[in-house]
Amino acid sequence: MAEVHIGEAAAFEDSGRKVVEIEGIEVGIFRLGDDFFAYENRCPHLDGPVCQGKILPLALEASSGRVFSKTQMNVICPWHGFEFDIRTGAHPTNPKVRMRRIPVRVVDGEVYVTVRGAVSSKPHTEASS
């Protein structure tokens, strides 16, 4: 395993993300407020590029119609529309279906991920998003 430097935390927009490739593994790194989350860019449904999908609040049904969550942001796989909570990686109606989490941490304002199987901490490359 290798810890890889991704960049400055300040370079991430709030409710934003970067998708990078590290030794053939694509990783999506998300920022929500002051928190960071990282996942392998493979949808558990059919291996689609889930981390490159739209980021939207969870849609909820209410007596007044559809409303959007003020606390839960989801990423939506561009292939078939599967949604996942960015904070947990879980599908909203089936928590057993989830994205594969990648360890991420912020040290002195810099973002790092630890990728299993990686042997080098060489600079990453941005994947097309």
C-alpha atoms as a PDB file:
ATOM      1  CA  MET A   1       0.000   0.000   0.000  1.00  0.00           C
ATOM      2  CA  ALA A   2       1.141   3.506  -0.698  1.00  0.00           C
ATOM      3  CA  GLU A   3      -0.060   6.858   0.548  1.00  0.00           C
ATOM      4  CA  VAL A   4      -0.428   9.217  -2.399  1.00  0.00           C
ATOM      5  CA  HIS A   5      -0.512  13.011  -2.228  1.00  0.00           C
ATOM      6  CA  ILE A   6      -3.543  14.336  -4.117  1.00  0.00           C
ATOM      7  CA  GLY A   7      -3.182  18.086  -3.584  1.00  0.00           C
ATOM      8  CA  GLU A   8      -4.304  20.987  -1.447  1.00  0.00           C
ATOM      9  CA  ALA A   9      -7.616  20.630   0.366  1.00  0.00           C
ATOM     10  CA  ALA A  10      -8.405  24.231  -0.594  1.00  0.00           C
ATOM     11  CA  ALA A  11      -8.343  23.222  -4.277  1.00  0.00           C
ATOM     12  CA  PHE A  12     -11.514  21.154  -3.746  1.00  0.00           C
ATOM     13  CA  GLU A  13     -14.819  22.984  -4.024  1.00  0.00           C
ATOM     14  CA  ASP A  14     -17.380  22.288  -1.299  1.00  0.00           C
ATOM     15  CA  SER A  15     -19.606  19.481  -2.631  1.00  0.00           C
ATOM     16  CA  GLY A  16     -16.949  18.888  -5.269  1.00  0.00           C
ATOM     17  CA  ARG A  17     -14.606  16.085  -6.262  1.00  0.00           C
ATOM     18  CA  LYS A  18     -11.537  15.053  -8.175  1.00  0.00           C
ATOM     19  CA  VAL A  19     -11.098  11.735  -9.947  1.00  0.00           C
ATOM     20  CA  VAL A  20      -7.499  10.571 -10.224  1.00  0.00           C
ATOM     21  CA  GLU A  21      -5.721   7.486 -11.493  1.00  0.00           C
ATOM     22  CA  ILE A  22      -3.129   5.845  -9.296  1.00  0.00           C
ATOM     23  CA  GLU A  23      -1.269   2.905 -10.850  1.00  0.00           C
ATOM     24  CA  GLY A  24      -4.296   1.911 -12.908  1.00  0.00           C
ATOM     25  CA  ILE A  25      -6.858   2.410 -10.126  1.00  0.00           C
ATOM     26  CA  GLU A  26      -9.283   5.328 -10.519  1.00  0.00           C
ATOM     27  CA  VAL A  27     -10.226   7.019  -7.250  1.00  0.00           C
ATOM     28  CA  GLY A  28     -12.861   9.689  -6.622  1.00  0.00           C
ATOM     29  CA  ILE A  29     -12.111  12.101  -3.776  1.00  0.00           C
ATOM     30  CA  PHE A  30     -15.100  14.137  -2.547  1.00  0.00           C
ATOM     31  CA  ARG A  31     -15.340  17.160  -0.286  1.00  0.00           C
ATOM     32  CA  LEU A  32     -18.442  17.928   1.770  1.00  0.00           C
ATOM     33  CA  GLY A  33     -17.810  20.899   4.045  1.00  0.00           C
ATOM     34  CA  ASP A  34     -14.607  20.145   5.941  1.00  0.00           C
ATOM     35  CA  ASP A  35     -14.878  16.389   5.407  1.00  0.00           C
ATOM     36  CA  PHE A  36     -13.232  14.301   2.677  1.00  0.00           C
ATOM     37  CA  PHE A  37     -14.305  10.894   1.359  1.00  0.00           C
ATOM     38  CA  ALA A  38     -12.681   8.654  -1.254  1.00  0.00           C
ATOM     39  CA  TYR A  39     -13.960   5.679  -3.227  1.00  0.00           C
ATOM     40  CA  GLU A  40     -12.830   3.453  -6.035  1.00  0.00           C
ATOM     41  CA  ASN A  41     -14.391   4.757  -9.269  1.00  0.00           C
ATOM     42  CA  ARG A  42     -16.323   1.522  -9.936  1.00  0.00           C
ATOM     43  CA  CYS A  43     -20.058   1.238  -9.414  1.00  0.00           C
ATOM     44  CA  PRO A  44     -20.957  -2.005  -7.591  1.00  0.00           C
ATOM     45  CA  HIS A  45     -23.847  -2.437 -10.050  1.00  0.00           C
ATOM     46  CA  LEU A  46     -21.965  -2.864 -13.366  1.00  0.00           C
ATOM     47  CA  ASP A  47     -18.523  -1.273 -12.777  1.00  0.00           C
ATOM     48  CA  GLY A  48     -19.532   2.105 -14.259  1.00  0.00           C
ATOM     49  CA  PRO A  49     -17.543   5.288 -13.449  1.00  0.00           C
ATOM     50  CA  VAL A  50     -19.706   6.142 -10.432  1.00  0.00           C
ATOM     51  CA  CYS A  51     -17.450   8.896  -9.036  1.00  0.00           C
ATOM     52  CA  GLN A  52     -17.828  10.857 -12.269  1.00  0.00           C
ATOM     53  CA  GLY A  53     -21.614  11.105 -11.959  1.00  0.00           C
ATOM     54  CA  LYS A  54     -23.733  14.059 -10.882  1.00  0.00           C
ATOM     55  CA  ILE A  55     -23.622  15.159  -7.260  1.00  0.00           C
ATOM     56  CA  LEU A  56     -27.116  15.974  -5.979  1.00  0.00           C
ATOM     57  CA  PRO A  57     -28.969  16.032  -2.672  1.00  0.00           C
ATOM     58  CA  LEU A  58     -31.039  12.936  -1.894  1.00  0.00           C
ATOM     59  CA  ALA A  59     -34.565  13.366  -3.276  1.00  0.00           C
ATOM     60  CA  LEU A  60     -37.284  12.589  -0.726  1.00  0.00           C
ATOM     61  CA  GLU A  61     -41.023  12.189  -1.168  1.00  0.00           C
ATOM     62  CA  ALA A  62     -43.152  14.366   1.128  1.00  0.00           C
ATOM     63  CA  SER A  63     -46.861  15.129   1.338  1.00  0.00           C
ATOM     64  CA  SER A  64     -46.112  18.399  -0.444  1.00  0.00           C
ATOM     65  CA  GLY A  65     -44.232  16.600  -3.249  1.00  0.00           C
ATOM     66  CA  ARG A  66     -40.565  15.976  -3.833  1.00  0.00           C
ATOM     67  CA  VAL A  67     -38.103  17.716  -1.533  1.00  0.00           C
ATOM     68  CA  PHE A  68     -34.323  17.550  -1.360  1.00  0.00           C
ATOM     69  CA  SER A  69     -32.331  16.555   1.706  1.00  0.00           C
ATOM     70  CA  LYS A  70     -30.403  19.332   3.400  1.00  0.00           C
ATOM     71  CA  THR A  71     -27.933  16.853   4.901  1.00  0.00           C
ATOM     72  CA  GLN A  72     -27.374  13.968   2.453  1.00  0.00           C
ATOM     73  CA  MET A  73     -25.489  14.417  -0.824  1.00  0.00           C
ATOM     74  CA  ASN A  74     -25.425  11.563  -3.315  1.00  0.00           C
ATOM     75  CA  VAL A  75     -23.337  10.749  -6.354  1.00  0.00           C
ATOM     76  CA  ILE A  76     -25.313   9.219  -9.212  1.00  0.00           C
ATOM     77  CA  CYS A  77     -23.657   6.685 -11.495  1.00  0.00           C
ATOM     78  CA  PRO A  78     -23.852   7.994 -15.076  1.00  0.00           C
ATOM     79  CA  TRP A  79     -24.467   4.518 -16.538  1.00  0.00           C
ATOM     80  CA  HIS A  80     -27.685   3.394 -14.836  1.00  0.00           C
ATOM     81  CA  GLY A  81     -28.548   6.012 -12.220  1.00  0.00           C
ATOM     82  CA  PHE A  82     -27.590   4.094  -9.083  1.00  0.00           C
ATOM     83  CA  GLU A  83     -27.212   6.594  -6.210  1.00  0.00           C
ATOM     84  CA  PHE A  84     -24.789   6.436  -3.305  1.00  0.00           C
ATOM     85  CA  ASP A  85     -24.467   8.557  -0.164  1.00  0.00           C
ATOM     86  CA  ILE A  86     -21.117  10.341  -0.411  1.00  0.00           C
ATOM     87  CA  ARG A  87     -20.560  10.197   3.362  1.00  0.00           C
ATOM     88  CA  THR A  88     -21.136   6.426   3.699  1.00  0.00           C
ATOM     89  CA  GLY A  89     -20.788   5.050   0.170  1.00  0.00           C
ATOM     90  CA  ALA A  90     -24.075   3.180   0.673  1.00  0.00           C
ATOM     91  CA  HIS A  91     -27.058   2.972  -1.672  1.00  0.00           C
ATOM     92  CA  PRO A  92     -29.967   4.853  -0.007  1.00  0.00           C
ATOM     93  CA  THR A  93     -32.424   1.930  -0.017  1.00  0.00           C
ATOM     94  CA  ASN A  94     -30.036  -1.038   0.188  1.00  0.00           C
ATOM     95  CA  PRO A  95     -27.098  -0.304   2.500  1.00  0.00           C
ATOM     96  CA  LYS A  96     -25.494  -3.654   1.600  1.00  0.00           C
ATOM     97  CA  VAL A  97     -24.791  -2.194  -1.860  1.00  0.00           C
ATOM     98  CA  ARG A  98     -21.972   0.277  -1.470  1.00  0.00           C
ATOM     99  CA  MET A  99     -18.992   1.833  -3.148  1.00  0.00           C
ATOM    100  CA  ARG A 100     -15.518   0.612  -2.122  1.00  0.00           C
ATOM    101  CA  ARG A 101     -14.027   3.099   0.341  1.00  0.00           C
ATOM    102  CA  ILE A 102     -10.433   4.287  -0.017  1.00  0.00           C
ATOM    103  CA  PRO A 103      -8.701   5.696   3.087  1.00  0.00           C
ATOM    104  CA  VAL A 104      -8.288   9.484   2.845  1.00  0.00           C
ATOM    105  CA  ARG A 105      -6.827  12.001   5.261  1.00  0.00           C
ATOM    106  CA  VAL A 106      -5.942  15.675   5.379  1.00  0.00           C
ATOM    107  CA  VAL A 107      -2.633  16.712   6.953  1.00  0.00           C
ATOM    108  CA  ASP A 108      -1.597  20.370   7.154  1.00  0.00           C
ATOM    109  CA  GLY A 109      -4.117  21.262   4.446  1.00  0.00           C
ATOM    110  CA  GLU A 110      -2.944  18.525   2.040  1.00  0.00           C
ATOM    111  CA  VAL A 111      -5.084  15.574   0.917  1.00  0.00           C
ATOM    112  CA  TYR A 112      -3.672  12.021   0.848  1.00  0.00           C
ATOM    113  CA  VAL A 113      -5.241   8.678  -0.110  1.00  0.00           C
ATOM    114  CA  THR A 114      -3.937   5.187   0.632  1.00  0.00           C
ATOM    115  CA  VAL A 115      -4.421   2.777  -2.255  1.00  0.00           C
ATOM    116  CA  ARG A 116      -4.184  -0.968  -1.726  1.00  0.00           C
ATOM    117  CA  GLY A 117      -1.879  -2.534  -4.277  1.00  0.00           C
ATOM    118  CA  ALA A 118      -0.064   0.709  -5.064  1.00  0.00           C
ATOM    119  CA  VAL A 119       3.665   0.530  -4.455  1.00  0.00           C
ATOM    120  CA  SER A 120       4.642   4.088  -5.222  1.00  0.00           C
ATOM    121  CA  SER A 121       3.668   7.496  -3.914  1.00  0.00           C
ATOM    122  CA  LYS A 122       4.429   9.027  -7.297  1.00  0.00           C
ATOM    123  CA  PRO A 123       2.232  11.926  -8.400  1.00  0.00           C
ATOM    124  CA  HIS A 124      -1.218  10.996  -9.577  1.00  0.00           C
ATOM    125  CA  THR A 125      -2.789  11.777 -12.922  1.00  0.00           C
ATOM    126  CA  GLU A 126      -6.236  13.300 -13.274  1.00  0.00           C
ATOM    127  CA  ALA A 127      -8.687  10.935 -14.906  1.00  0.00           C
ATOM    128  CA  SER A 128     -11.082  12.361 -17.456  1.00  0.00           C
ATOM    129  CA  SER A 129     -14.335  13.346 -15.762  1.00  0.00           C
END
